[in-house]
PDB file of N, CA and C in Angstrom:
ATOM      1  N   MET A   1      88.908  -4.543  -1.104  1.00  0.00           N
ATOM      2  CA  MET A   1      87.799  -3.859  -0.296  1.00  0.00           C
ATOM      3  C   MET A   1      87.238  -4.831   0.574  1.00  0.00           C
ATOM      4  N   ASP A   2      87.157  -4.580   1.862  1.00  0.00           N
ATOM      5  CA  ASP A   2      86.868  -5.402   3.018  1.00  0.00           C
ATOM      6  C   ASP A   2      85.286  -5.284   3.082  1.00  0.00           C
ATOM      7  N   LEU A   3      84.976  -6.288   4.055  1.00  0.00           N
ATOM      8  CA  LEU A   3      83.426  -6.432   4.384  1.00  0.00           C
ATOM      9  C   LEU A   3      82.996  -5.293   5.190  1.00  0.00           C
ATOM     10  N   LEU A   4      83.833  -4.612   6.146  1.00  0.00           N
ATOM     11  CA  LEU A   4      83.322  -3.512   6.910  1.00  0.00           C
ATOM     12  C   LEU A   4      83.015  -2.285   6.114  1.00  0.00           C
ATOM     13  N   LEU A   5      83.893  -2.107   5.066  1.00  0.00           N
ATOM     14  CA  LEU A   5      83.603  -1.014   4.054  1.00  0.00           C
ATOM     15  C   LEU A   5      82.064  -1.206   3.346  1.00  0.00           C
ATOM     16  N   TRP A   6      81.920  -2.420   2.935  1.00  0.00           N
ATOM     17  CA  TRP A   6      80.717  -2.790   2.134  1.00  0.00           C
ATOM     18  C   TRP A   6      79.502  -2.652   3.074  1.00  0.00           C
ATOM     19  N   VAL A   7      79.622  -3.115   4.444  1.00  0.00           N
ATOM     20  CA  VAL A   7      78.552  -2.875   5.331  1.00  0.00           C
ATOM     21  C   VAL A   7      78.309  -1.559   5.635  1.00  0.00           C
ATOM     22  N   THR A   8      79.251  -0.602   5.746  1.00  0.00           N
ATOM     23  CA  THR A   8      79.122   0.813   6.034  1.00  0.00           C
ATOM     24  C   THR A   8      78.398   1.484   4.903  1.00  0.00           C
ATOM     25  N   VAL A   9      79.003   1.256   3.818  1.00  0.00           N
ATOM     26  CA  VAL A   9      78.358   1.928   2.400  1.00  0.00           C
ATOM     27  C   VAL A   9      76.931   1.415   2.190  1.00  0.00           C
ATOM     28  N   GLY A  10      76.660   0.133   2.362  1.00  0.00           N
ATOM     29  CA  GLY A  10      75.325  -0.433   2.356  1.00  0.00           C
ATOM     30  C   GLY A  10      74.464   0.176   3.375  1.00  0.00           C
ATOM     31  N   PHE A  11      74.814   0.292   4.638  1.00  0.00           N
ATOM     32  CA  PHE A  11      74.025   1.095   5.584  1.00  0.00           C
ATOM     33  C   PHE A  11      73.801   2.391   5.429  1.00  0.00           C
ATOM     34  N   ILE A  12      74.775   3.045   4.822  1.00  0.00           N
ATOM     35  CA  ILE A  12      74.419   4.529   4.459  1.00  0.00           C
ATOM     36  C   ILE A  12      73.499   4.648   3.419  1.00  0.00           C
ATOM     37  N   ILE A  13      73.752   3.893   2.324  1.00  0.00           N
ATOM     38  CA  ILE A  13      72.892   4.059   1.021  1.00  0.00           C
ATOM     39  C   ILE A  13      71.482   3.620   1.293  1.00  0.00           C
ATOM     40  N   ILE A  14      71.194   2.423   2.245  1.00  0.00           N
ATOM     41  CA  ILE A  14      69.927   1.879   2.485  1.00  0.00           C
ATOM     42  C   ILE A  14      69.217   2.688   3.263  1.00  0.00           C
ATOM     43  N   GLY A  15      69.965   3.232   4.549  1.00  0.00           N
ATOM     44  CA  GLY A  15      69.258   4.153   5.380  1.00  0.00           C
ATOM     45  C   GLY A  15      68.769   5.519   4.629  1.00  0.00           C
ATOM     46  N   PHE A  16      69.698   6.008   3.693  1.00  0.00           N
ATOM     47  CA  PHE A  16      69.291   7.402   3.149  1.00  0.00           C
ATOM     48  C   PHE A  16      67.992   7.120   2.301  1.00  0.00           C
ATOM     49  N   VAL A  17      68.006   5.903   1.741  1.00  0.00           N
ATOM     50  CA  VAL A  17      66.740   5.650   0.800  1.00  0.00           C
ATOM     51  C   VAL A  17      65.612   5.415   1.693  1.00  0.00           C
ATOM     52  N   VAL A  18      65.637   4.867   2.859  1.00  0.00           N
ATOM     53  CA  VAL A  18      64.558   4.640   3.771  1.00  0.00           C
ATOM     54  C   VAL A  18      64.114   5.832   4.276  1.00  0.00           C
ATOM     55  N   LEU A  19      65.081   6.732   4.691  1.00  0.00           N
ATOM     56  CA  LEU A  19      64.748   8.081   5.289  1.00  0.00           C
ATOM     57  C   LEU A  19      63.791   8.860   4.137  1.00  0.00           C
ATOM     58  N   VAL A  20      64.471   8.979   2.988  1.00  0.00           N
ATOM     59  CA  VAL A  20      63.781   9.727   1.947  1.00  0.00           C
ATOM     60  C   VAL A  20      62.190   9.244   1.568  1.00  0.00           C
ATOM     61  N   PHE A  21      62.198   7.901   1.679  1.00  0.00           N
ATOM     62  CA  PHE A  21      60.870   7.208   1.462  1.00  0.00           C
ATOM     63  C   PHE A  21      59.860   7.582   2.662  1.00  0.00           C
ATOM     64  N   ILE A  22      60.330   7.524   3.772  1.00  0.00           N
ATOM     65  CA  ILE A  22      59.515   8.007   4.912  1.00  0.00           C
ATOM     66  C   ILE A  22      59.179   9.469   4.853  1.00  0.00           C
ATOM     67  N   LYS A  23      60.171  10.308   4.594  1.00  0.00           N
ATOM     68  CA  LYS A  23      59.766  11.810   4.262  1.00  0.00           C
ATOM     69  C   LYS A  23      58.734  12.041   3.374  1.00  0.00           C
ATOM     70  N   ARG A  24      59.048  11.376   2.201  1.00  0.00           N
ATOM     71  CA  ARG A  24      57.922  11.633   1.217  1.00  0.00           C
ATOM     72  C   ARG A  24      56.514  11.140   1.529  1.00  0.00           C
ATOM     73  N   ASN A  25      56.472  10.102   2.304  1.00  0.00           N
ATOM     74  CA  ASN A  25      55.265   9.630   2.807  1.00  0.00           C
ATOM     75  C   ASN A  25      54.522  10.675   3.860  1.00  0.00           C
ATOM     76  N   MET A  26      55.468  11.053   4.651  1.00  0.00           N
ATOM     77  CA  MET A  26      54.993  12.139   5.513  1.00  0.00           C
ATOM     78  C   MET A  26      54.552  13.406   4.937  1.00  0.00           C
ATOM     79  N   GLU A  27      55.317  13.696   3.829  1.00  0.00           N
ATOM     80  CA  GLU A  27      54.551  15.034   2.999  1.00  0.00           C
ATOM     81  C   GLU A  27      53.605  14.723   2.255  1.00  0.00           C
ATOM     82  N   SER A  28      53.321  13.669   1.671  1.00  0.00           N
ATOM     83  CA  SER A  28      52.026  13.277   1.025  1.00  0.00           C
ATOM     84  C   SER A  28      50.595  13.258   1.908  1.00  0.00           C
ATOM     85  N   LYS A  29      50.897  13.055   3.096  1.00  0.00           N
ATOM     86  CA  LYS A  29      49.706  12.771   4.031  1.00  0.00           C
ATOM     87  C   LYS A  29      49.282  14.152   4.420  1.00  0.00           C
ATOM     88  N   LYS A  30      50.229  15.294   4.476  1.00  0.00           N
ATOM     89  CA  LYS A  30      49.864  16.578   4.842  1.00  0.00           C
ATOM     90  C   LYS A  30      49.181  16.693   6.257  1.00  0.00           C
ATOM     91  N   SER A  31      49.174  15.653   6.907  1.00  0.00           N
ATOM     92  CA  SER A  31      48.737  15.675   8.353  1.00  0.00           C
ATOM     93  C   SER A  31      49.846  14.997   9.302  1.00  0.00           C
ATOM     94  N   SER A  32      51.035  15.596   9.201  1.00  0.00           N
ATOM     95  CA  SER A  32      52.140  14.981  10.039  1.00  0.00           C
ATOM     96  C   SER A  32      51.817  15.615  11.373  1.00  0.00           C
ATOM     97  N   THR A  33      51.789  14.397  12.148  1.00  0.00           N
ATOM     98  CA  THR A  33      51.609  14.724  13.691  1.00  0.00           C
ATOM     99  C   THR A  33      52.965  15.017  14.416  1.00  0.00           C
ATOM    100  N   THR A  34      52.844  15.576  15.486  1.00  0.00           N
ATOM    101  CA  THR A  34      53.982  15.886  16.130  1.00  0.00           C
ATOM    102  C   THR A  34      54.784  14.768  16.507  1.00  0.00           C
ATOM    103  N   GLU A  35      53.998  13.608  16.664  1.00  0.00           N
ATOM    104  CA  GLU A  35      54.837  12.446  17.211  1.00  0.00           C
ATOM    105  C   GLU A  35      55.493  11.740  15.968  1.00  0.00           C
ATOM    106  N   SER A  36      54.879  11.995  14.749  1.00  0.00           N
ATOM    107  CA  SER A  36      55.739  11.415  13.530  1.00  0.00           C
ATOM    108  C   SER A  36      57.177  12.203  13.303  1.00  0.00           C
ATOM    109  N   ILE A  37      56.832  13.449  13.621  1.00  0.00           N
ATOM    110  CA  ILE A  37      57.942  14.312  13.364  1.00  0.00           C
ATOM    111  C   ILE A  37      59.037  14.109  14.248  1.00  0.00           C
ATOM    112  N   VAL A  38      58.614  13.835  15.609  1.00  0.00           N
ATOM    113  CA  VAL A  38      59.776  13.610  16.667  1.00  0.00           C
ATOM    114  C   VAL A  38      60.316  12.270  16.071  1.00  0.00           C
ATOM    115  N   TRP A  39      59.518  11.131  15.801  1.00  0.00           N
ATOM    116  CA  TRP A  39      60.287   9.776  15.356  1.00  0.00           C
ATOM    117  C   TRP A  39      61.097   9.936  14.265  1.00  0.00           C
ATOM    118  N   TRP A  40      60.828  10.896  13.327  1.00  0.00           N
ATOM    119  CA  TRP A  40      61.655  11.308  12.164  1.00  0.00           C
ATOM    120  C   TRP A  40      62.927  11.709  12.610  1.00  0.00           C
ATOM    121  N   ILE A  41      62.992  12.699  13.585  1.00  0.00           N
ATOM    122  CA  ILE A  41      64.069  13.340  14.016  1.00  0.00           C
ATOM    123  C   ILE A  41      65.073  12.189  14.872  1.00  0.00           C
ATOM    124  N   VAL A  42      64.321  11.467  15.613  1.00  0.00           N
ATOM    125  CA  VAL A  42      64.975  10.320  16.440  1.00  0.00           C
ATOM    126  C   VAL A  42      65.518   9.376  15.429  1.00  0.00           C
ATOM    127  N   GLY A  43      64.935   8.926  14.350  1.00  0.00           N
ATOM    128  CA  GLY A  43      65.415   8.002  13.415  1.00  0.00           C
ATOM    129  C   GLY A  43      66.612   8.417  12.644  1.00  0.00           C
ATOM    130  N   THR A  44      66.493   9.729  12.228  1.00  0.00           N
ATOM    131  CA  THR A  44      67.596  10.296  11.388  1.00  0.00           C
ATOM    132  C   THR A  44      68.830  10.569  12.283  1.00  0.00           C
ATOM    133  N   THR A  45      68.646  10.876  13.609  1.00  0.00           N
ATOM    134  CA  THR A  45      69.828  11.062  14.396  1.00  0.00           C
ATOM    135  C   THR A  45      70.537   9.644  14.825  1.00  0.00           C
ATOM    136  N   ALA A  46      69.806   8.619  15.079  1.00  0.00           N
ATOM    137  CA  ALA A  46      70.303   7.349  15.240  1.00  0.00           C
ATOM    138  C   ALA A  46      70.976   6.959  13.870  1.00  0.00           C
ATOM    139  N   TRP A  47      70.291   6.960  12.836  1.00  0.00           N
ATOM    140  CA  TRP A  47      71.063   6.623  11.676  1.00  0.00           C
ATOM    141  C   TRP A  47      72.275   7.363  11.414  1.00  0.00           C
ATOM    142  N   GLY A  48      72.297   8.704  11.735  1.00  0.00           N
ATOM    143  CA  GLY A  48      73.722   9.464  11.579  1.00  0.00           C
ATOM    144  C   GLY A  48      74.819   8.955  12.440  1.00  0.00           C
ATOM    145  N   VAL A  49      74.341   8.882  13.702  1.00  0.00           N
ATOM    146  CA  VAL A  49      75.320   8.449  14.696  1.00  0.00           C
ATOM    147  C   VAL A  49      75.722   7.013  14.274  1.00  0.00           C
ATOM    148  N   ALA A  50      74.819   6.046  14.030  1.00  0.00           N
ATOM    149  CA  ALA A  50      75.535   4.765  13.363  1.00  0.00           C
ATOM    150  C   ALA A  50      76.432   4.776  12.310  1.00  0.00           C
ATOM    151  N   SER A  51      76.061   5.630  11.465  1.00  0.00           N
ATOM    152  CA  SER A  51      76.878   5.802  10.268  1.00  0.00           C
ATOM    153  C   SER A  51      78.297   6.401  10.568  1.00  0.00           C
ATOM    154  N   ILE A  52      78.439   7.396  11.515  1.00  0.00           N
ATOM    155  CA  ILE A  52      79.530   8.052  11.888  1.00  0.00           C
ATOM    156  C   ILE A  52      80.395   6.951  12.589  1.00  0.00           C
ATOM    157  N   PHE A  53      79.819   6.234  13.482  1.00  0.00           N
ATOM    158  CA  PHE A  53      80.479   5.136  14.192  1.00  0.00           C
ATOM    159  C   PHE A  53      81.111   3.978  13.210  1.00  0.00           C
ATOM    160  N   LEU A  54      80.447   3.727  12.335  1.00  0.00           N
ATOM    161  CA  LEU A  54      80.718   2.714  11.034  1.00  0.00           C
ATOM    162  C   LEU A  54      81.976   3.201  10.233  1.00  0.00           C
ATOM    163  N   ILE A  55      81.842   4.457  10.078  1.00  0.00           N
ATOM    164  CA  ILE A  55      82.873   5.251   9.336  1.00  0.00           C
ATOM    165  C   ILE A  55      84.208   5.288  10.018  1.00  0.00           C
ATOM    166  N   GLY A  56      83.871   5.590  11.310  1.00  0.00           N
ATOM    167  CA  GLY A  56      85.069   5.689  12.289  1.00  0.00           C
ATOM    168  C   GLY A  56      85.841   4.384  12.613  1.00  0.00           C
ATOM    169  N   CYS A  57      85.046   3.412  12.646  1.00  0.00           N
ATOM    170  CA  CYS A  57      85.559   1.896  12.876  1.00  0.00           C
ATOM    171  C   CYS A  57      86.371   1.572  11.473  1.00  0.00           C
ATOM    172  N   TRP A  58      85.915   1.943  10.353  1.00  0.00           N
ATOM    173  CA  TRP A  58      86.583   1.579   9.141  1.00  0.00           C
ATOM    174  C   TRP A  58      87.752   2.172   8.955  1.00  0.00           C
ATOM    175  N   PHE A  59      87.714   3.591   9.383  1.00  0.00           N
ATOM    176  CA  PHE A  59      88.992   4.346   9.272  1.00  0.00           C
ATOM    177  C   PHE A  59      90.078   4.026  10.335  1.00  0.00           C
ATOM    178  N   SER A  60      89.598   3.526  11.480  1.00  0.00           N
ATOM    179  CA  SER A  60      90.522   3.062  12.576  1.00  0.00           C
ATOM    180  C   SER A  60      91.174   1.574  12.150  1.00  0.00           C
ATOM    181  N   LYS A  61      90.330   0.878  11.276  1.00  0.00           N
ATOM    182  CA  LYS A  61      90.910  -0.494  10.778  1.00  0.00           C
ATOM    183  C   LYS A  61      91.941  -0.281   9.736  1.00  0.00           C
ATOM    184  N   ILE A  62      91.998   0.931   9.099  1.00  0.00           N
ATOM    185  CA  ILE A  62      92.925   1.056   7.883  1.00  0.00           C
ATOM    186  C   ILE A  62      94.391   0.956   8.368  1.00  0.00           C
TER     187      ILE A  62
END
């Protein structure tokens, strides 16, 4: 197993945990502002694009 695979898997797992933690904090406050929801969508999209890019790089390396 190479380093790029470990970086990719780690990025996906850590990013997923962080996004779940942030979502739970937003739900517990019950006062989610529009700005926090927009930043949640932007963060999730950026995390998804970066994950897809890392997976693509790893598959092209094989």
